[in-house]
C-alpha atoms as a PDB file:
ATOM      1  CA  MET A   1     194.390  23.345  94.259  1.00  0.00           C
ATOM      2  CA  GLU A   2     193.876  23.475  90.496  1.00  0.00           C
ATOM      3  CA  HIS A   3     194.846  26.730  88.848  1.00  0.00           C
ATOM      4  CA  TYR A   4     193.756  28.247  85.515  1.00  0.00           C
ATOM      5  CA  ASN A   5     194.903  31.408  83.822  1.00  0.00           C
ATOM      6  CA  THR A   6     191.313  32.204  82.844  1.00  0.00           C
ATOM      7  CA  ILE A   7     187.914  30.834  83.791  1.00  0.00           C
ATOM      8  CA  ILE A   8     185.125  31.716  81.357  1.00  0.00           C
ATOM      9  CA  ILE A   9     181.500  31.564  82.487  1.00  0.00           C
ATOM     10  CA  GLY A  10     179.461  30.664  79.396  1.00  0.00           C
ATOM     11  CA  GLY A  11     180.226  28.462  76.403  1.00  0.00           C
ATOM     12  CA  GLY A  12     178.529  30.393  73.606  1.00  0.00           C
ATOM     13  CA  LEU A  13     179.980  32.414  70.733  1.00  0.00           C
ATOM     14  CA  SER A  14     181.958  34.948  72.781  1.00  0.00           C
ATOM     15  CA  GLY A  15     183.053  32.486  75.468  1.00  0.00           C
ATOM     16  CA  CYS A  16     184.349  29.802  73.098  1.00  0.00           C
ATOM     17  CA  THR A  17     185.979  32.380  70.809  1.00  0.00           C
ATOM     18  CA  LEU A  18     187.820  33.901  73.760  1.00  0.00           C
ATOM     19  CA  GLY A  19     188.780  30.443  74.975  1.00  0.00           C
ATOM     20  CA  TYR A  20     190.085  29.522  71.534  1.00  0.00           C
ATOM     21  CA  LEU A  21     192.209  32.664  71.285  1.00  0.00           C
ATOM     22  CA  LEU A  22     193.664  32.149  74.760  1.00  0.00           C
ATOM     23  CA  ARG A  23     194.447  28.506  74.008  1.00  0.00           C
ATOM     24  CA  LYS A  24     196.334  29.731  70.928  1.00  0.00           C
ATOM     25  CA  GLN A  25     198.488  31.599  73.431  1.00  0.00           C
ATOM     26  CA  GLU A  26     198.882  28.337  75.398  1.00  0.00           C
ATOM     27  CA  LYS A  27     196.924  29.691  78.351  1.00  0.00           C
ATOM     28  CA  LYS A  28     195.193  27.237  80.651  1.00  0.00           C
ATOM     29  CA  VAL A  29     191.465  27.884  80.224  1.00  0.00           C
ATOM     30  CA  LEU A  30     188.283  26.398  81.665  1.00  0.00           C
ATOM     31  CA  ILE A  31     184.775  27.178  80.388  1.00  0.00           C
ATOM     32  CA  ILE A  32     181.794  26.553  82.675  1.00  0.00           C
ATOM     33  CA  GLU A  33     178.493  26.270  80.745  1.00  0.00           C
ATOM     34  CA  LYS A  34     175.120  25.881  82.469  1.00  0.00           C
ATOM     35  CA  GLN A  35     173.304  24.282  79.516  1.00  0.00           C
ATOM     36  CA  LYS A  36     173.868  20.923  77.861  1.00  0.00           C
ATOM     37  CA  LEU A  37     176.101  21.723  74.903  1.00  0.00           C
ATOM     38  CA  THR A  38     174.336  19.427  72.436  1.00  0.00           C
ATOM     39  CA  LEU A  39     171.006  21.167  73.141  1.00  0.00           C
ATOM     40  CA  LYS A  40     172.223  24.764  73.438  1.00  0.00           C
ATOM     41  CA  ASN A  41     170.467  26.813  70.745  1.00  0.00           C
ATOM     42  CA  LYS A  42     170.370  30.588  71.086  1.00  0.00           C
ATOM     43  CA  LEU A  43     167.568  32.647  69.570  1.00  0.00           C
ATOM     44  CA  CYS A  44     169.201  34.499  66.681  1.00  0.00           C
ATOM     45  CA  GLY A  45     168.172  35.388  63.154  1.00  0.00           C
ATOM     46  CA  GLY A  46     171.571  34.252  61.935  1.00  0.00           C
ATOM     47  CA  LEU A  47     172.359  37.449  60.038  1.00  0.00           C
ATOM     48  CA  LEU A  48     176.065  37.850  59.364  1.00  0.00           C
ATOM     49  CA  THR A  49     177.105  41.325  58.321  1.00  0.00           C
ATOM     50  CA  ASN A  50     180.177  41.584  56.130  1.00  0.00           C
ATOM     51  CA  LYS A  51     182.275  42.822  59.052  1.00  0.00           C
ATOM     52  CA  SER A  52     181.163  39.806  61.134  1.00  0.00           C
ATOM     53  CA  LEU A  53     182.124  37.372  58.398  1.00  0.00           C
ATOM     54  CA  GLU A  54     185.528  38.971  57.884  1.00  0.00           C
ATOM     55  CA  LEU A  55     186.181  38.892  61.630  1.00  0.00           C
ATOM     56  CA  LEU A  56     185.276  35.190  61.769  1.00  0.00           C
ATOM     57  CA  LYS A  57     187.736  34.473  58.980  1.00  0.00           C
ATOM     58  CA  LYS A  58     190.433  36.534  60.690  1.00  0.00           C
ATOM     59  CA  ILE A  59     190.046  34.881  64.090  1.00  0.00           C
ATOM     60  CA  TYR A  60     189.804  31.294  62.884  1.00  0.00           C
ATOM     61  CA  LYS A  61     192.107  31.605  59.854  1.00  0.00           C
ATOM     62  CA  ASP A  62     189.386  29.999  57.760  1.00  0.00           C
ATOM     63  CA  ASN A  63     188.483  31.668  54.476  1.00  0.00           C
ATOM     64  CA  ASN A  64     185.867  29.103  53.491  1.00  0.00           C
ATOM     65  CA  LEU A  65     183.850  28.432  56.665  1.00  0.00           C
ATOM     66  CA  GLU A  66     182.218  25.549  54.790  1.00  0.00           C
ATOM     67  CA  GLU A  67     180.770  24.044  57.982  1.00  0.00           C
ATOM     68  CA  LEU A  68     178.500  27.061  58.404  1.00  0.00           C
ATOM     69  CA  ASN A  69     176.620  26.705  55.076  1.00  0.00           C
ATOM     70  CA  ILE A  70     176.672  30.469  54.679  1.00  0.00           C
ATOM     71  CA  LYS A  71     174.201  31.988  52.249  1.00  0.00           C
ATOM     72  CA  SER A  72     175.066  35.326  50.662  1.00  0.00           C
ATOM     73  CA  TYR A  73     172.861  38.212  49.538  1.00  0.00           C
ATOM     74  CA  ASP A  74     173.705  41.164  47.321  1.00  0.00           C
ATOM     75  CA  LYS A  75     170.494  43.022  48.052  1.00  0.00           C
ATOM     76  CA  ALA A  76     168.010  43.512  50.862  1.00  0.00           C
ATOM     77  CA  LYS A  77     164.813  45.352  51.654  1.00  0.00           C
ATOM     78  CA  ILE A  78     163.984  47.890  54.330  1.00  0.00           C
ATOM     79  CA  THR A  79     160.248  48.281  54.821  1.00  0.00           C
ATOM     80  CA  ASN A  80     158.493  51.112  56.606  1.00  0.00           C
ATOM     81  CA  ASN A  81     154.817  50.264  56.959  1.00  0.00           C
ATOM     82  CA  ASN A  82     153.767  49.613  53.348  1.00  0.00           C
ATOM     83  CA  ILE A  83     156.717  51.322  51.635  1.00  0.00           C
ATOM     84  CA  THR A  84     159.746  49.229  50.741  1.00  0.00           C
ATOM     85  CA  PHE A  85     163.224  50.522  49.953  1.00  0.00           C
ATOM     86  CA  ASP A  86     165.445  48.210  47.886  1.00  0.00           C
ATOM     87  CA  VAL A  87     169.091  48.166  48.926  1.00  0.00           C
ATOM     88  CA  ASP A  88     171.416  46.934  46.181  1.00  0.00           C
ATOM     89  CA  ASN A  89     175.121  46.094  46.056  1.00  0.00           C
ATOM     90  CA  ILE A  90     175.482  44.979  49.655  1.00  0.00           C
ATOM     91  CA  ASN A  91     177.392  42.059  51.156  1.00  0.00           C
ATOM     92  CA  THR A  92     175.204  40.361  53.735  1.00  0.00           C
ATOM     93  CA  TYR A  93     175.133  36.725  54.797  1.00  0.00           C
ATOM     94  CA  SER A  94     173.184  34.290  56.933  1.00  0.00           C
ATOM     95  CA  THR A  95     173.825  31.033  58.748  1.00  0.00           C
ATOM     96  CA  TYR A  96     172.149  28.868  61.369  1.00  0.00           C
ATOM     97  CA  ARG A  97     173.162  30.131  64.787  1.00  0.00           C
ATOM     98  CA  LYS A  98     173.420  26.567  66.120  1.00  0.00           C
ATOM     99  CA  LYS A  99     176.010  25.761  63.449  1.00  0.00           C
ATOM    100  CA  LEU A 100     177.980  28.883  64.304  1.00  0.00           C
ATOM    101  CA  ASP A 101     178.019  28.077  68.026  1.00  0.00           C
ATOM    102  CA  ASP A 102     178.992  24.454  67.343  1.00  0.00           C
ATOM    103  CA  TYR A 103     181.764  25.639  65.022  1.00  0.00           C
ATOM    104  CA  VAL A 104     183.443  27.859  67.623  1.00  0.00           C
ATOM    105  CA  LEU A 105     182.961  25.220  70.335  1.00  0.00           C
ATOM    106  CA  ASN A 106     184.714  22.585  68.204  1.00  0.00           C
ATOM    107  CA  LYS A 107     187.528  25.009  67.403  1.00  0.00           C
ATOM    108  CA  TYR A 108     188.067  25.563  71.120  1.00  0.00           C
ATOM    109  CA  LYS A 109     188.020  21.824  71.799  1.00  0.00           C
ATOM    110  CA  SER A 110     190.490  21.201  68.963  1.00  0.00           C
ATOM    111  CA  LEU A 111     193.094  23.051  71.040  1.00  0.00           C
ATOM    112  CA  ASP A 112     192.369  20.840  74.059  1.00  0.00           C
ATOM    113  CA  GLY A 113     190.212  23.540  75.590  1.00  0.00           C
ATOM    114  CA  GLU A 114     188.451  22.311  78.716  1.00  0.00           C
ATOM    115  CA  ILE A 115     184.719  22.798  79.155  1.00  0.00           C
ATOM    116  CA  VAL A 116     182.218  21.586  81.758  1.00  0.00           C
ATOM    117  CA  ASP A 117     178.550  21.780  80.762  1.00  0.00           C
ATOM    118  CA  LYS A 118     175.284  21.391  82.692  1.00  0.00           C
ATOM    119  CA  THR A 119     177.056  23.214  85.504  1.00  0.00           C
ATOM    120  CA  THR A 120     176.873  26.523  87.323  1.00  0.00           C
ATOM    121  CA  TYR A 121     179.338  27.747  89.883  1.00  0.00           C
ATOM    122  CA  ASP A 122     178.320  27.776  93.530  1.00  0.00           C
ATOM    123  CA  TYR A 123     180.416  30.648  94.802  1.00  0.00           C
ATOM    124  CA  ILE A 124     183.306  32.891  93.806  1.00  0.00           C
ATOM    125  CA  ASP A 125     185.776  34.199  96.346  1.00  0.00           C
ATOM    126  CA  PHE A 126     186.801  37.402  94.580  1.00  0.00           C
ATOM    127  CA  ASP A 127     189.324  38.347  97.260  1.00  0.00           C
ATOM    128  CA  ASN A 128     191.346  35.167  96.790  1.00  0.00           C
ATOM    129  CA  ASN A 129     190.399  34.440  93.138  1.00  0.00           C
ATOM    130  CA  ILE A 130     188.798  31.056  93.774  1.00  0.00           C
ATOM    131  CA  VAL A 131     185.681  29.594  92.147  1.00  0.00           C
ATOM    132  CA  TYR A 132     183.741  26.753  93.770  1.00  0.00           C
ATOM    133  CA  PHE A 133     181.618  24.283  91.786  1.00  0.00           C
ATOM    134  CA  GLU A 134     180.900  20.526  91.762  1.00  0.00           C
ATOM    135  CA  ASP A 135     182.999  19.945  94.879  1.00  0.00           C
ATOM    136  CA  ARG A 136     185.950  21.567  93.105  1.00  0.00           C
ATOM    137  CA  GLN A 137     187.965  24.584  94.151  1.00  0.00           C
ATOM    138  CA  ILE A 138     189.830  26.315  91.332  1.00  0.00           C
ATOM    139  CA  SER A 139     192.011  29.381  91.522  1.00  0.00           C
ATOM    140  CA  PHE A 140     192.326  31.780  88.603  1.00  0.00           C
ATOM    141  CA  ASP A 141     194.211  34.808  87.365  1.00  0.00           C
ATOM    142  CA  SER A 142     191.161  36.259  85.597  1.00  0.00           C
ATOM    143  CA  ILE A 143     187.495  35.407  85.218  1.00  0.00           C
ATOM    144  CA  VAL A 144     185.218  36.369  82.317  1.00  0.00           C
ATOM    145  CA  GLY A 145     181.447  36.659  82.079  1.00  0.00           C
ATOM    146  CA  ALA A 146     180.271  35.290  78.724  1.00  0.00           C
ATOM    147  CA  ASP A 147     176.997  33.924  80.050  1.00  0.00           C
ATOM    148  CA  GLY A 148     174.526  36.131  78.233  1.00  0.00           C
ATOM    149  CA  VAL A 149     172.206  38.968  79.081  1.00  0.00           C
ATOM    150  CA  PHE A 150     171.290  37.373  82.444  1.00  0.00           C
ATOM    151  CA  SER A 151     174.960  36.937  83.351  1.00  0.00           C
ATOM    152  CA  GLN A 152     175.272  35.480  86.843  1.00  0.00           C
ATOM    153  CA  LEU A 153     178.799  36.842  87.150  1.00  0.00           C
ATOM    154  CA  ARG A 154     177.624  40.340  86.275  1.00  0.00           C
ATOM    155  CA  LYS A 155     174.781  40.077  88.790  1.00  0.00           C
ATOM    156  CA  ASP A 156     177.202  38.893  91.480  1.00  0.00           C
ATOM    157  CA  VAL A 157     179.496  41.901  91.104  1.00  0.00           C
ATOM    158  CA  MET A 158     176.832  44.543  90.376  1.00  0.00           C
ATOM    159  CA  ASN A 159     173.955  43.168  92.493  1.00  0.00           C
ATOM    160  CA  LYS A 160     171.547  43.634  89.574  1.00  0.00           C
ATOM    161  CA  ASN A 161     170.845  42.512  86.024  1.00  0.00           C
ATOM    162  CA  GLN A 162     171.558  44.789  83.095  1.00  0.00           C
ATOM    163  CA  ARG A 163     168.769  46.634  81.282  1.00  0.00           C
ATOM    164  CA  MET A 164     167.306  44.598  78.435  1.00  0.00           C
ATOM    165  CA  ASN A 165     164.801  44.429  75.596  1.00  0.00           C
ATOM    166  CA  PHE A 166     162.806  41.453  74.310  1.00  0.00           C
ATOM    167  CA  ALA A 167     162.521  39.589  70.996  1.00  0.00           C
ATOM    168  CA  LEU A 168     160.285  36.875  69.544  1.00  0.00           C
ATOM    169  CA  GLU A 169     161.086  34.634  66.599  1.00  0.00           C
ATOM    170  CA  VAL A 170     159.736  31.738  64.524  1.00  0.00           C
ATOM    171  CA  ALA A 171     161.235  29.512  61.826  1.00  0.00           C
ATOM    172  CA  CYS A 172     159.297  29.096  58.578  1.00  0.00           C
ATOM    173  CA  GLU A 173     159.732  27.765  55.045  1.00  0.00           C
ATOM    174  CA  SER A 174     162.448  29.758  53.301  1.00  0.00           C
ATOM    175  CA  SER A 175     160.875  29.268  49.853  1.00  0.00           C
ATOM    176  CA  ASN A 176     158.561  32.184  50.658  1.00  0.00           C
ATOM    177  CA  PHE A 177     161.497  34.574  51.103  1.00  0.00           C
ATOM    178  CA  ASN A 178     164.666  35.174  49.108  1.00  0.00           C
ATOM    179  CA  GLU A 179     165.923  38.438  50.570  1.00  0.00           C
ATOM    180  CA  VAL A 180     166.845  39.900  53.924  1.00  0.00           C
ATOM    181  CA  ASN A 181     164.144  42.291  55.090  1.00  0.00           C
ATOM    182  CA  ILE A 182     164.240  44.732  58.005  1.00  0.00           C
ATOM    183  CA  SER A 183     160.850  46.295  58.857  1.00  0.00           C
ATOM    184  CA  PHE A 184     159.746  49.282  60.916  1.00  0.00           C
ATOM    185  CA  PHE A 185     156.202  50.060  62.042  1.00  0.00           C
ATOM    186  CA  ASP A 186     154.263  53.119  63.178  1.00  0.00           C
ATOM    187  CA  ASN A 187     152.561  51.421  66.098  1.00  0.00           C
ATOM    188  CA  PHE A 188     155.620  49.628  67.439  1.00  0.00           C
ATOM    189  CA  LYS A 189     158.904  50.997  68.726  1.00  0.00           C
ATOM    190  CA  GLY A 190     161.127  48.258  67.398  1.00  0.00           C
ATOM    191  CA  TYR A 191     161.868  46.335  64.233  1.00  0.00           C
ATOM    192  CA  GLY A 192     161.011  43.117  62.452  1.00  0.00           C
ATOM    193  CA  TRP A 193     163.284  40.874  60.426  1.00  0.00           C
ATOM    194  CA  ILE A 194     163.158  38.143  57.816  1.00  0.00           C
ATOM    195  CA  ILE A 195     166.452  36.311  57.342  1.00  0.00           C
ATOM    196  CA  PRO A 196     166.388  33.377  54.895  1.00  0.00           C
ATOM    197  CA  ASN A 197     168.791  30.497  55.404  1.00  0.00           C
ATOM    198  CA  GLU A 198     169.416  27.317  53.461  1.00  0.00           C
ATOM    199  CA  ASN A 199     166.244  25.419  54.414  1.00  0.00           C
ATOM    200  CA  TYR A 200     164.113  27.874  56.342  1.00  0.00           C
ATOM    201  CA  ALA A 201     163.835  31.547  57.222  1.00  0.00           C
ATOM    202  CA  MET A 202     163.977  33.150  60.644  1.00  0.00           C
ATOM    203  CA  VAL A 203     161.222  35.711  61.170  1.00  0.00           C
ATOM    204  CA  GLY A 204     161.261  37.823  64.277  1.00  0.00           C
ATOM    205  CA  ILE A 205     160.477  41.085  66.001  1.00  0.00           C
ATOM    206  CA  GLY A 206     162.339  42.917  68.745  1.00  0.00           C
ATOM    207  CA  ASN A 207     161.550  45.982  70.809  1.00  0.00           C
ATOM    208  CA  VAL A 208     163.791  48.912  71.660  1.00  0.00           C
ATOM    209  CA  ASP A 209     161.583  50.109  74.487  1.00  0.00           C
ATOM    210  CA  GLU A 210     161.565  48.097  77.708  1.00  0.00           C
ATOM    211  CA  LYS A 211     157.911  49.025  78.267  1.00  0.00           C
ATOM    212  CA  ASN A 212     156.717  47.377  75.038  1.00  0.00           C
ATOM    213  CA  LYS A 213     154.702  44.164  75.240  1.00  0.00           C
ATOM    214  CA  ILE A 214     155.295  42.657  71.835  1.00  0.00           C
ATOM    215  CA  ASP A 215     153.257  39.447  71.553  1.00  0.00           C
ATOM    216  CA  ASN A 216     150.238  41.035  69.837  1.00  0.00           C
ATOM    217  CA  ASP A 217     152.504  43.106  67.589  1.00  0.00           C
ATOM    218  CA  PHE A 218     154.380  39.970  66.556  1.00  0.00           C
ATOM    219  CA  ASN A 219     151.143  38.155  65.711  1.00  0.00           C
ATOM    220  CA  SER A 220     150.075  41.109  63.554  1.00  0.00           C
ATOM    221  CA  TYR A 221     153.456  41.146  61.808  1.00  0.00           C
ATOM    222  CA  LEU A 222     153.271  37.425  61.052  1.00  0.00           C
ATOM    223  CA  LYS A 223     149.699  37.728  59.793  1.00  0.00           C
ATOM    224  CA  GLY A 224     150.773  40.498  57.426  1.00  0.00           C
ATOM    225  CA  ILE A 225     153.337  38.209  55.770  1.00  0.00           C
ATOM    226  CA  ASN A 226     151.096  35.109  55.878  1.00  0.00           C
ATOM    227  CA  ILE A 227     153.008  33.230  58.566  1.00  0.00           C
ATOM    228  CA  ARG A 228     151.236  31.278  61.306  1.00  0.00           C
ATOM    229  CA  PRO A 229     152.460  32.193  64.806  1.00  0.00           C
ATOM    230  CA  THR A 230     153.495  28.678  65.871  1.00  0.00           C
ATOM    231  CA  ASN A 231     156.522  27.506  67.864  1.00  0.00           C
ATOM    232  CA  LYS A 232     157.457  31.013  68.920  1.00  0.00           C
ATOM    233  CA  LYS A 233     160.717  31.476  70.802  1.00  0.00           C
ATOM    234  CA  GLY A 234     161.490  34.437  72.999  1.00  0.00           C
ATOM    235  CA  ALA A 235     164.702  35.913  74.352  1.00  0.00           C
ATOM    236  CA  PHE A 236     165.947  39.008  76.114  1.00  0.00           C
ATOM    237  CA  LEU A 237     168.596  41.200  74.460  1.00  0.00           C
ATOM    238  CA  PRO A 238     170.929  43.930  75.724  1.00  0.00           C
ATOM    239  CA  THR A 239     169.794  47.503  75.139  1.00  0.00           C
ATOM    240  CA  GLY A 240     173.208  48.895  74.211  1.00  0.00           C
ATOM    241  CA  ASN A 241     173.033  51.566  76.904  1.00  0.00           C
ATOM    242  CA  ASP A 242     174.123  49.469  79.892  1.00  0.00           C
ATOM    243  CA  ILE A 243     177.669  48.374  79.049  1.00  0.00           C
ATOM    244  CA  LEU A 244     180.086  46.820  81.537  1.00  0.00           C
ATOM    245  CA  LEU A 245     183.459  45.661  80.198  1.00  0.00           C
ATOM    246  CA  ASN A 246     185.424  45.051  83.358  1.00  0.00           C
ATOM    247  CA  TYR A 247     185.023  45.172  87.108  1.00  0.00           C
ATOM    248  CA  LYS A 248     188.173  45.715  89.147  1.00  0.00           C
ATOM    249  CA  ASN A 249     191.359  44.349  87.599  1.00  0.00           C
ATOM    250  CA  ASN A 250     190.647  40.742  86.661  1.00  0.00           C
ATOM    251  CA  ILE A 251     186.869  40.448  86.122  1.00  0.00           C
ATOM    252  CA  PHE A 252     185.799  40.994  82.513  1.00  0.00           C
ATOM    253  CA  PHE A 253     182.694  40.740  80.336  1.00  0.00           C
ATOM    254  CA  VAL A 254     182.247  40.023  76.623  1.00  0.00           C
ATOM    255  CA  GLY A 255     179.336  39.859  74.166  1.00  0.00           C
ATOM    256  CA  ASP A 256     175.805  39.995  75.569  1.00  0.00           C
ATOM    257  CA  SER A 257     177.128  39.797  79.131  1.00  0.00           C
ATOM    258  CA  ALA A 258     178.916  43.082  78.551  1.00  0.00           C
ATOM    259  CA  GLY A 259     175.760  44.609  77.065  1.00  0.00           C
ATOM    260  CA  LEU A 260     177.279  44.883  73.577  1.00  0.00           C
ATOM    261  CA  ILE A 261     174.795  45.057  70.709  1.00  0.00           C
ATOM    262  CA  SER A 262     173.686  47.237  67.818  1.00  0.00           C
ATOM    263  CA  PRO A 263     170.860  49.256  69.411  1.00  0.00           C
ATOM    264  CA  ILE A 264     169.166  49.742  66.038  1.00  0.00           C
ATOM    265  CA  THR A 265     169.049  46.183  64.646  1.00  0.00           C
ATOM    266  CA  GLY A 266     169.996  43.969  67.567  1.00  0.00           C
ATOM    267  CA  GLU A 267     173.122  42.619  65.847  1.00  0.00           C
ATOM    268  CA  GLY A 268     175.252  40.878  68.459  1.00  0.00           C
ATOM    269  CA  ILE A 269     177.519  38.448  66.579  1.00  0.00           C
ATOM    270  CA  TYR A 270     180.070  41.064  65.557  1.00  0.00           C
ATOM    271  CA  TYR A 271     180.289  42.484  69.080  1.00  0.00           C
ATOM    272  CA  SER A 272     180.716  39.025  70.617  1.00  0.00           C
ATOM    273  CA  LEU A 273     183.601  38.222  68.270  1.00  0.00           C
ATOM    274  CA  TYR A 274     185.237  41.637  68.530  1.00  0.00           C
ATOM    275  CA  SER A 275     185.150  41.826  72.340  1.00  0.00           C
ATOM    276  CA  ALA A 276     186.600  38.296  72.602  1.00  0.00           C
ATOM    277  CA  LEU A 277     189.413  39.229  70.225  1.00  0.00           C
ATOM    278  CA  ILE A 278     190.294  42.460  72.046  1.00  0.00           C
ATOM    279  CA  LEU A 279     190.141  40.875  75.501  1.00  0.00           C
ATOM    280  CA  SER A 280     192.371  37.970  74.433  1.00  0.00           C
ATOM    281  CA  ASN A 281     195.069  40.491  73.536  1.00  0.00           C
ATOM    282  CA  THR A 282     194.776  42.559  76.720  1.00  0.00           C
ATOM    283  CA  MET A 283     193.665  40.627  79.800  1.00  0.00           C
ATOM    284  CA  ASN A 284     194.015  43.803  81.855  1.00  0.00           C
ATOM    285  CA  LYS A 285     192.582  47.302  82.246  1.00  0.00           C
ATOM    286  CA  ASN A 286     193.590  48.186  78.666  1.00  0.00           C
ATOM    287  CA  TYR A 287     190.631  46.091  77.479  1.00  0.00           C
ATOM    288  CA  SER A 288     188.207  48.954  78.114  1.00  0.00           C
ATOM    289  CA  LYS A 289     190.513  51.471  76.450  1.00  0.00           C
ATOM    290  CA  ASN A 290     190.924  49.285  73.370  1.00  0.00           C
ATOM    291  CA  MET A 291     187.153  48.885  73.099  1.00  0.00           C
ATOM    292  CA  ASN A 292     186.621  52.644  72.728  1.00  0.00           C
ATOM    293  CA  PHE A 293     186.016  52.270  68.986  1.00  0.00           C
ATOM    294  CA  ILE A 294     183.120  49.896  69.610  1.00  0.00           C
ATOM    295  CA  ILE A 295     181.663  51.982  72.427  1.00  0.00           C
ATOM    296  CA  LYS A 296     181.672  55.072  70.202  1.00  0.00           C
ATOM    297  CA  ASN A 297     179.838  53.146  67.459  1.00  0.00           C
ATOM    298  CA  ILE A 298     177.186  51.956  69.887  1.00  0.00           C
ATOM    299  CA  LYS A 299     176.727  55.458  71.320  1.00  0.00           C
ATOM    300  CA  ARG A 300     176.407  56.823  67.783  1.00  0.00           C
ATOM    301  CA  ASP A 301     173.675  54.269  67.020  1.00  0.00           C
ATOM    302  CA  LEU A 302     171.892  55.163  70.256  1.00  0.00           C
ATOM    303  CA  PHE A 303     171.844  58.769  69.050  1.00  0.00           C
ATOM    304  CA  PHE A 304     170.534  57.838  65.579  1.00  0.00           C
ATOM    305  CA  MET A 305     167.797  55.737  67.171  1.00  0.00           C
ATOM    306  CA  LYS A 306     166.044  58.991  68.043  1.00  0.00           C
ATOM    307  CA  PHE A 307     165.542  59.538  64.308  1.00  0.00           C
ATOM    308  CA  VAL A 308     165.091  55.934  63.168  1.00  0.00           C
ATOM    309  CA  TYR A 309     162.254  55.404  65.646  1.00  0.00           C
ATOM    310  CA  ASN A 310     160.662  58.809  65.115  1.00  0.00           C
ATOM    311  CA  ASN A 311     157.584  57.932  63.056  1.00  0.00           C
ATOM    312  CA  LYS A 312     157.208  61.371  61.480  1.00  0.00           C
ATOM    313  CA  ILE A 313     160.823  61.560  60.276  1.00  0.00           C
ATOM    314  CA  ARG A 314     160.896  57.971  59.019  1.00  0.00           C
ATOM    315  CA  ASN A 315     157.547  58.260  57.235  1.00  0.00           C
ATOM    316  CA  TYR A 316     158.599  61.513  55.563  1.00  0.00           C
ATOM    317  CA  LEU A 317     161.862  60.054  54.261  1.00  0.00           C
ATOM    318  CA  PHE A 318     160.235  56.925  52.890  1.00  0.00           C
ATOM    319  CA  SER A 319     157.426  58.873  51.228  1.00  0.00           C
ATOM    320  CA  LYS A 320     159.902  61.158  49.447  1.00  0.00           C
ATOM    321  CA  TYR A 321     162.811  58.871  48.556  1.00  0.00           C
ATOM    322  CA  LYS A 322     161.590  58.025  45.015  1.00  0.00           C
ATOM    323  CA  LYS A 323     161.379  61.713  44.177  1.00  0.00           C
ATOM    324  CA  ASN A 324     164.491  62.952  45.945  1.00  0.00           C
ATOM    325  CA  LYS A 325     167.897  61.501  45.043  1.00  0.00           C
ATOM    326  CA  ASN A 326     169.536  62.994  48.130  1.00  0.00           C
ATOM    327  CA  ILE A 327     167.054  61.249  50.437  1.00  0.00           C
ATOM    328  CA  THR A 328     167.542  58.008  48.488  1.00  0.00           C
ATOM    329  CA  LYS A 329     171.293  58.225  49.066  1.00  0.00           C
ATOM    330  CA  ARG A 330     170.799  58.841  52.777  1.00  0.00           C
ATOM    331  CA  ILE A 331     168.490  55.856  53.241  1.00  0.00           C
ATOM    332  CA  ASN A 332     170.825  53.686  51.181  1.00  0.00           C
ATOM    333  CA  LYS A 333     173.830  54.774  53.279  1.00  0.00           C
ATOM    334  CA  PHE A 334     171.948  54.045  56.488  1.00  0.00           C
ATOM    335  CA  ALA A 335     170.803  50.636  55.185  1.00  0.00           C
ATOM    336  CA  LYS A 336     174.349  49.610  54.299  1.00  0.00           C
ATOM    337  CA  HIS A 337     175.517  50.763  57.714  1.00  0.00           C
ATOM    338  CA  ILE A 338     173.114  48.479  59.586  1.00  0.00           C
ATOM    339  CA  LEU A 339     173.467  45.555  57.158  1.00  0.00           C
END
């Protein structure tokens, strides 16, 4: 019977990054990906916060990342209804998510990392650590769920999917936009985003309330910025309040599968990279302990959401910021935190 140190379910950002890091340790790794790799294209605005970019450089020892065609911004806008707050002196970046996923996949392959696409596993014998797929039986030391918010591995061990929110997005001409913009609205418990890239901008909206139905709200948002609602893409996102890092001793989860995300803005790239890095260093129960820093940050953001999505508080702050330097500083500090 074939044996692998680690089997990773999912060949996206977190899965390939983890695979790459384990291959650097000369571990025998197999990634099983259900989609065709050449067509895999995750819904994502492509926003790279400064901490995400620095983590990418650290993991891949690549200070240039030329393949990603990264665009940088030193300012952004946060809009609340019709009032816009300009955020200066920031370091925020954007890239095409497809290029980012292809980059990490090729890095994994460059270390002779094995990957099987267009495939799902048939059954996992958790008692004997054996996975069955495509008439193959493979034993493993550890298995990792990196297969997104609808993780099959997570469902198999928990008998349910994680809680999730929903987002919609379109691509449009980037010439209409030259800054990152995060928008909040009175009639919608969620946020909108405009993230320009090299040739086009990603415009989207995401909810932070599972009861929201966002299609009409998205159409209204697009109409307000003169964008036609064509070729819309939708995707489910973690909520940030349903996190699962490991199950028993050798079953782990990273990225969206683990439920890791910024509850306020929906940022997931940093959490995918960080969880892969931490897990690669501790393929044991210490993984959860070493992720405490991230869990605390997410819990803090869940607490601040009560204020960010309180219309009265947000409207008051934005109406007063031009007249009150203290309020201006607070909004600016918050903006730099989420960007």
